[in-house]
């Protein structure tokens, strides 16, 4: 097999569970014939302990030893400067230098964003990269951005997010003409803040398939393929969506339910679990930087890490950063 296959870097130390969960997930979909190679960054001893007993013979996987790590509570920019031998910094540096094509971490979101901005840098024409995440809808899924990178945004930022999200939807999701909406408190063009009103006007003249404002109660009914909002609103929206399946699970355990009512919940909960689980999507992505940066959930299971690897490969396979750069983002 050609050793020039692109490399996907995984922070094996990231998340609540570390190598014992991250490593099996990372190699879950890997075969000798995979179109990519895998590099596991972190404490070499712990990574090799996690690899022991796994069917890795002949697989294109390597270990990159790191002597430092970034803790969840550390100030992100300071951590990037002070921990150059941490998995996130080492992997991002290797991506910057062309040795790897994507970086995945379930560690500190702030550190991943900071490392992406400091090491990879923004794409030309991008003022604010955005965290983009997939959300299930009755028609399939949509891309929501920003989901937390920028708590305050201008109309320029939201228009940029719309262009990046549309390109992602076309290239990675295969949507020919993605429908773009702005999350707002009403459908009318003059609803919301001054930023919302200006964004509506700008998107209406953007050449994108802008369908207007959508309210939160429409979000998951599927009118849009891409939805833009500021990171404060987007992050809270994402957490409400993530919490819905947990709410249903808790509701099914109420002591006042009859056995018949509780039994009726079971298939519904199974369906909701499949639709709403973050494990299906693997992680969010930071769009607008010169590389592929995948931010997995802190409590990621092995299945979620496997999904994050698939997400990274899709972006590498479609050369998403290159296409965003060519489009001027």
Protein backbone atom coordinates (compact mmCIF):
# COMPACT_ATOMS: atom_id res chain seq x y z
CA UNK A 1 0.00 0.00 0.00
CA UNK A 2 1.20 3.50 -0.84
CA UNK A 3 2.83 5.10 2.22
CA UNK A 4 1.92 8.53 0.88
CA UNK A 5 -1.62 8.05 2.14
CA UNK A 6 -2.77 11.09 4.15
CA UNK A 7 -2.42 10.90 7.92
CA UNK A 8 -5.20 11.67 10.39
CA UNK A 9 -3.88 12.67 13.82
CA UNK A 10 -5.80 11.74 16.97
CA UNK A 11 -5.17 13.14 20.44
CA UNK A 12 -5.24 9.85 22.32
CA UNK A 13 -5.23 11.58 25.71
CA UNK A 14 -8.26 13.82 25.13
CA UNK A 15 -11.69 13.51 26.69
CA UNK A 16 -13.00 12.03 29.90
CA UNK A 17 -11.77 8.50 29.21
CA UNK A 18 -8.34 8.81 27.58
CA UNK A 19 -6.53 6.13 25.55
CA UNK A 20 -8.59 3.17 26.73
CA UNK A 21 -11.61 4.58 24.88
CA UNK A 22 -10.04 6.87 22.27
CA UNK A 23 -7.60 4.32 20.82
CA UNK A 24 -10.11 1.51 20.11
CA UNK A 25 -12.46 4.06 18.58
CA UNK A 26 -9.76 5.58 16.39
CA UNK A 27 -8.78 2.25 14.85
CA UNK A 28 -12.32 0.84 14.66
CA UNK A 29 -12.76 1.55 10.97
CA UNK A 30 -9.12 1.13 10.00
CA UNK A 31 -7.99 -1.64 7.65
CA UNK A 32 -4.75 -2.36 5.85
CA UNK A 33 -6.39 -1.01 2.71
CA UNK A 34 -7.76 2.18 4.27
CA UNK A 35 -7.14 5.29 2.15
CA UNK A 36 -5.60 7.06 5.14
CA UNK A 37 -3.13 6.36 7.92
CA UNK A 38 -3.65 7.05 11.60
CA UNK A 39 -1.25 8.67 14.09
CA UNK A 40 -2.01 8.49 17.81
CA UNK A 41 -0.49 11.35 19.84
CA UNK A 42 0.13 11.20 23.57
CA UNK A 43 1.71 9.18 26.36
CA UNK A 44 3.39 6.34 24.46
CA UNK A 45 3.17 3.83 27.31
CA UNK A 46 -0.55 4.37 27.85
CA UNK A 47 -1.28 4.32 24.12
CA UNK A 48 0.57 1.04 23.62
CA UNK A 49 -1.24 -0.43 26.61
CA UNK A 50 -4.52 0.52 24.93
CA UNK A 51 -3.34 -1.02 21.66
CA UNK A 52 -2.36 -4.29 23.35
CA UNK A 53 -4.83 -6.99 22.45
CA UNK A 54 -6.44 -4.98 19.66
CA UNK A 55 -6.23 -6.36 16.10
CA UNK A 56 -3.67 -3.84 14.84
CA UNK A 57 -1.28 -6.16 12.99
CA UNK A 58 -0.72 -4.74 9.52
CA UNK A 59 -2.81 -1.64 10.14
CA UNK A 60 -1.44 1.77 9.06
CA UNK A 61 -1.24 3.18 12.59
CA UNK A 62 1.66 4.82 14.40
CA UNK A 63 2.31 6.37 17.81
CA UNK A 64 3.73 9.86 18.31
CA UNK A 65 5.10 10.18 21.84
CA UNK A 66 4.24 13.40 23.70
CA UNK A 67 5.48 14.31 27.17
CA UNK A 68 2.94 17.00 28.07
CA UNK A 69 -0.83 17.37 28.10
CA UNK A 70 -3.34 20.23 28.30
CA UNK A 71 -5.80 20.07 31.18
CA UNK A 72 -9.43 21.06 30.67
CA UNK A 73 -9.25 24.08 32.99
CA UNK A 74 -6.17 25.71 31.49
CA UNK A 75 -6.36 29.06 29.72
CA UNK A 76 -6.20 28.00 26.05
CA UNK A 77 -3.71 30.45 24.56
CA UNK A 78 -1.33 30.08 27.50
CA UNK A 79 -1.58 26.30 27.30
CA UNK A 80 -0.64 26.36 23.61
CA UNK A 81 2.44 28.46 24.40
CA UNK A 82 3.47 26.59 27.54
CA UNK A 83 2.87 23.00 26.44
CA UNK A 84 4.57 22.60 23.05
CA UNK A 85 4.90 18.84 23.51
CA UNK A 86 1.20 18.24 24.17
CA UNK A 87 -0.78 16.14 21.66
CA UNK A 88 -2.90 19.05 20.41
CA UNK A 89 0.08 21.34 19.79
CA UNK A 90 2.26 18.61 18.28
CA UNK A 91 -0.51 17.39 15.98
CA UNK A 92 -1.47 20.90 14.85
CA UNK A 93 2.18 21.70 14.19
CA UNK A 94 2.51 18.54 12.12
CA UNK A 95 -0.59 19.55 10.15
CA UNK A 96 0.86 23.01 9.57
CA UNK A 97 4.06 21.39 8.27
CA UNK A 98 2.18 18.97 6.02
CA UNK A 99 2.87 15.75 7.88
CA UNK A 100 -0.79 15.18 8.78
CA UNK A 101 -4.01 16.30 7.10
CA UNK A 102 -6.42 16.47 10.04
CA UNK A 103 -6.43 16.66 13.84
CA UNK A 104 -9.07 15.18 16.15
CA UNK A 105 -9.32 15.79 19.89
CA UNK A 106 -11.94 15.20 22.58
CA UNK A 107 -9.91 17.42 24.90
CA UNK A 108 -10.27 21.11 25.61
CA UNK A 109 -12.42 22.87 23.00
CA UNK A 110 -10.71 26.14 23.83
CA UNK A 111 -7.28 24.61 23.27
CA UNK A 112 -8.35 23.14 19.93
CA UNK A 113 -9.71 26.49 18.75
CA UNK A 114 -6.64 28.36 20.02
CA UNK A 115 -4.21 25.89 18.44
CA UNK A 116 -6.08 26.03 15.15
CA UNK A 117 -5.96 29.83 15.10
CA UNK A 118 -2.40 30.21 16.38
CA UNK A 119 -0.76 27.37 14.46
CA UNK A 120 -2.89 26.69 11.38
CA UNK A 121 -4.05 30.31 10.99
CA UNK A 122 -7.23 31.58 9.39
CA UNK A 123 -7.98 31.04 5.73
CA UNK A 124 -7.61 34.14 3.55
CA UNK A 125 -10.81 36.16 3.69
CA UNK A 126 -11.99 34.63 6.98
CA UNK A 127 -12.14 36.98 9.95
CA UNK A 128 -13.80 34.55 12.37
CA UNK A 129 -13.69 30.77 11.96
CA UNK A 130 -16.84 29.06 13.22
CA UNK A 131 -17.62 25.82 15.00
CA UNK A 132 -20.03 23.89 12.79
CA UNK A 133 -22.03 20.90 13.95
CA UNK A 134 -24.62 18.61 12.42
CA UNK A 135 -28.11 18.49 13.90
CA UNK A 136 -30.75 15.88 13.01
CA UNK A 137 -33.95 16.97 11.28
CA UNK A 138 -37.03 15.16 10.04
CA UNK A 139 -35.51 15.33 6.54
CA UNK A 140 -32.01 14.23 7.52
CA UNK A 141 -29.64 16.77 9.01
CA UNK A 142 -28.55 20.39 8.92
CA UNK A 143 -25.31 22.22 9.60
CA UNK A 144 -25.48 24.76 12.44
CA UNK A 145 -22.79 27.43 12.77
CA UNK A 146 -21.51 29.06 14.87
CA UNK A 147 -21.89 26.57 17.73
CA UNK A 148 -19.63 28.31 20.21
CA UNK A 149 -16.44 29.85 18.81
CA UNK A 150 -17.75 33.45 18.69
CA UNK A 151 -20.26 34.60 21.30
CA UNK A 152 -20.79 37.91 19.50
CA UNK A 153 -20.92 38.27 15.72
CA UNK A 154 -21.36 40.96 13.09
CA UNK A 155 -23.33 40.60 9.88
CA UNK A 156 -20.00 40.12 8.08
CA UNK A 157 -19.28 37.10 10.26
CA UNK A 158 -22.72 35.54 9.77
CA UNK A 159 -22.54 35.99 5.99
CA UNK A 160 -19.11 34.36 6.01
CA UNK A 161 -20.52 31.46 8.06
CA UNK A 162 -23.29 31.04 5.49
CA UNK A 163 -20.81 30.80 2.62
CA UNK A 164 -18.62 28.29 4.48
CA UNK A 165 -21.60 26.22 5.56
CA UNK A 166 -23.04 26.16 2.05
CA UNK A 167 -19.76 24.97 0.58
CA UNK A 168 -19.54 22.24 3.23
CA UNK A 169 -23.09 21.13 2.48
CA UNK A 170 -22.38 20.95 -1.25
CA UNK A 171 -19.00 19.25 -1.07
CA UNK A 172 -19.33 16.94 1.94
CA UNK A 173 -23.08 16.40 2.37
CA UNK A 174 -23.81 16.32 -1.36
CA UNK A 175 -26.59 18.95 -1.31
CA UNK A 176 -26.70 20.61 -4.74
CA UNK A 177 -28.25 23.91 -3.63
CA UNK A 178 -28.19 24.13 0.17
CA UNK A 179 -31.05 26.08 1.73
CA UNK A 180 -29.63 28.65 4.15
CA UNK A 181 -31.55 30.17 7.06
CA UNK A 182 -30.78 32.64 9.83
CA UNK A 183 -31.89 31.59 13.32
CA UNK A 184 -34.04 34.44 14.62
CA UNK A 185 -37.04 35.32 16.79
CA UNK A 186 -39.38 35.64 13.81
CA UNK A 187 -39.63 35.09 10.10
CA UNK A 188 -40.00 38.71 9.05
CA UNK A 189 -37.02 40.50 7.55
CA UNK A 190 -37.08 43.26 10.19
CA UNK A 191 -37.18 40.93 13.20
CA UNK A 192 -34.33 40.60 15.67
CA UNK A 193 -31.31 42.75 16.37
CA UNK A 194 -29.63 45.21 14.03
CA UNK A 195 -27.16 42.44 13.19
CA UNK A 196 -30.01 40.06 12.30
CA UNK A 197 -31.67 42.65 10.08
CA UNK A 198 -28.43 43.50 8.28
CA UNK A 199 -27.60 39.81 7.89
CA UNK A 200 -31.02 39.17 6.30
CA UNK A 201 -30.40 41.98 3.80
CA UNK A 202 -26.88 40.79 3.00
CA UNK A 203 -27.82 37.13 2.62
CA UNK A 204 -30.75 38.06 0.37
CA UNK A 205 -28.21 39.50 -2.08
CA UNK A 206 -25.47 36.92 -1.52
CA UNK A 207 -26.23 34.51 -4.37
CA UNK A 208 -26.79 31.75 -1.83
CA UNK A 209 -30.08 29.87 -1.59
CA UNK A 210 -31.20 31.99 1.36
CA UNK A 211 -34.75 31.15 2.47
CA UNK A 212 -34.95 33.77 5.23
CA UNK A 213 -35.23 33.68 8.99
CA UNK A 214 -36.26 30.55 10.83
CA UNK A 215 -37.37 30.25 14.43
CA UNK A 216 -36.16 27.67 16.90
CA UNK A 217 -39.38 25.68 16.66
CA UNK A 218 -38.76 25.21 12.91
CA UNK A 219 -35.13 24.18 13.20
CA UNK A 220 -35.57 20.41 13.26
CA UNK A 221 -38.48 20.32 10.83
CA UNK A 222 -35.95 20.50 8.02
CA UNK A 223 -36.53 23.67 5.98
CA UNK A 224 -32.78 24.41 5.95
CA UNK A 225 -29.55 22.62 5.17
CA UNK A 226 -27.45 25.37 6.79
CA UNK A 227 -28.42 27.62 9.70
CA UNK A 228 -26.30 30.54 10.86
CA UNK A 229 -26.30 32.30 14.21
CA UNK A 230 -23.86 33.72 16.74
CA UNK A 231 -21.90 31.27 18.89
CA UNK A 232 -23.76 32.10 22.09
CA UNK A 233 -27.13 31.26 20.59
CA UNK A 234 -25.77 28.35 18.59
CA UNK A 235 -24.10 26.67 21.54
CA UNK A 236 -27.24 26.92 23.65
CA UNK A 237 -29.32 25.61 20.76
CA UNK A 238 -26.99 22.64 20.39
CA UNK A 239 -27.21 21.83 24.09
CA UNK A 240 -31.01 21.97 24.04
CA UNK A 241 -31.01 19.51 21.13
CA UNK A 242 -28.53 17.22 22.91
CA UNK A 243 -30.62 17.36 26.06
CA UNK A 244 -33.88 16.39 24.38
CA UNK A 245 -33.17 12.66 24.17
CA UNK A 246 -31.94 12.69 27.78
CA UNK A 247 -35.16 14.43 28.79
CA UNK A 248 -37.21 11.73 27.09
CA UNK A 249 -35.16 9.04 28.82
CA UNK A 250 -35.75 10.64 32.21
CA UNK A 251 -39.43 11.09 31.42
CA UNK A 252 -39.79 7.38 30.68
CA UNK A 253 -38.62 6.58 34.23
CA UNK A 254 -41.23 8.65 36.02
CA UNK A 255 -42.75 6.59 38.83
CA UNK A 256 -46.32 7.55 37.90
CA UNK A 257 -46.14 5.81 34.51
CA UNK A 258 -47.93 2.51 34.09
CA UNK A 259 -46.04 -0.55 32.83
CA UNK A 260 -47.90 -0.22 29.54
CA UNK A 261 -46.91 3.44 29.16
CA UNK A 262 -43.31 2.66 30.06
CA UNK A 263 -43.20 -0.17 27.51
CA UNK A 264 -44.54 2.18 24.85
CA UNK A 265 -41.58 4.47 25.45
CA UNK A 266 -38.97 1.82 24.62
CA UNK A 267 -39.05 1.89 20.79
CA UNK A 268 -39.40 5.68 20.80
CA UNK A 269 -36.35 6.04 23.03
CA UNK A 270 -34.37 3.70 20.81
CA UNK A 271 -35.21 5.80 17.77
CA UNK A 272 -34.43 9.09 19.54
CA UNK A 273 -31.16 7.68 20.81
CA UNK A 274 -30.09 6.87 17.26
CA UNK A 275 -31.16 10.27 15.94
CA UNK A 276 -29.87 12.55 18.68
CA UNK A 277 -26.72 10.82 19.87
CA UNK A 278 -23.54 12.84 19.42
CA UNK A 279 -21.88 9.46 18.79
CA UNK A 280 -23.41 9.40 15.31
CA UNK A 281 -21.77 12.65 14.25
CA UNK A 282 -18.51 12.27 16.16
CA UNK A 283 -17.64 15.89 16.61
CA UNK A 284 -17.95 19.47 15.56
CA UNK A 285 -15.57 21.06 13.07
CA UNK A 286 -13.81 24.40 13.04
CA UNK A 287 -14.43 25.88 9.60
CA UNK A 288 -12.30 28.75 8.34
CA UNK A 289 -8.81 27.63 9.35
CA UNK A 290 -6.07 26.31 7.08
CA UNK A 291 -6.63 22.67 7.89
CA UNK A 292 -9.07 20.12 9.29
CA UNK A 293 -9.81 20.53 13.00
CA UNK A 294 -12.37 18.16 14.56
CA UNK A 295 -13.55 18.82 18.11
CA UNK A 296 -15.05 15.67 19.62
CA UNK A 297 -17.34 15.65 22.65
CA UNK A 298 -15.50 15.50 25.98
CA UNK A 299 -17.36 12.37 27.03
CA UNK A 300 -16.88 10.67 23.66
CA UNK A 301 -17.22 6.90 23.54
CA UNK A 302 -15.20 4.72 21.18
CA UNK A 303 -18.10 4.88 18.74
CA UNK A 304 -18.03 8.69 18.80
CA UNK A 305 -14.28 8.75 18.12
CA UNK A 306 -14.78 6.36 15.20
CA UNK A 307 -17.39 8.76 13.81
CA UNK A 308 -14.98 11.68 14.27
CA UNK A 309 -12.33 9.84 12.24
CA UNK A 310 -14.87 9.29 9.44
CA UNK A 311 -15.80 12.98 9.56
CA UNK A 312 -12.14 13.99 9.33
CA UNK A 313 -11.56 11.68 6.38
CA UNK A 314 -14.56 13.10 4.50
CA UNK A 315 -13.13 16.60 4.85
CA UNK A 316 -9.66 15.46 3.81
CA UNK A 317 -11.06 13.44 0.90
CA UNK A 318 -12.98 16.44 -0.41
CA UNK A 319 -10.08 18.85 0.29
CA UNK A 320 -12.47 21.08 2.18
CA UNK A 321 -9.84 23.61 3.38
CA UNK A 322 -8.53 23.97 -0.18
CA UNK A 323 -12.01 24.55 -1.57
CA UNK A 324 -12.85 27.05 1.15
CA UNK A 325 -9.61 28.90 0.39
CA UNK A 326 -10.32 28.90 -3.35
CA UNK A 327 -13.80 30.27 -2.72
CA UNK A 328 -12.42 33.05 -0.54
CA UNK A 329 -14.53 31.56 2.26
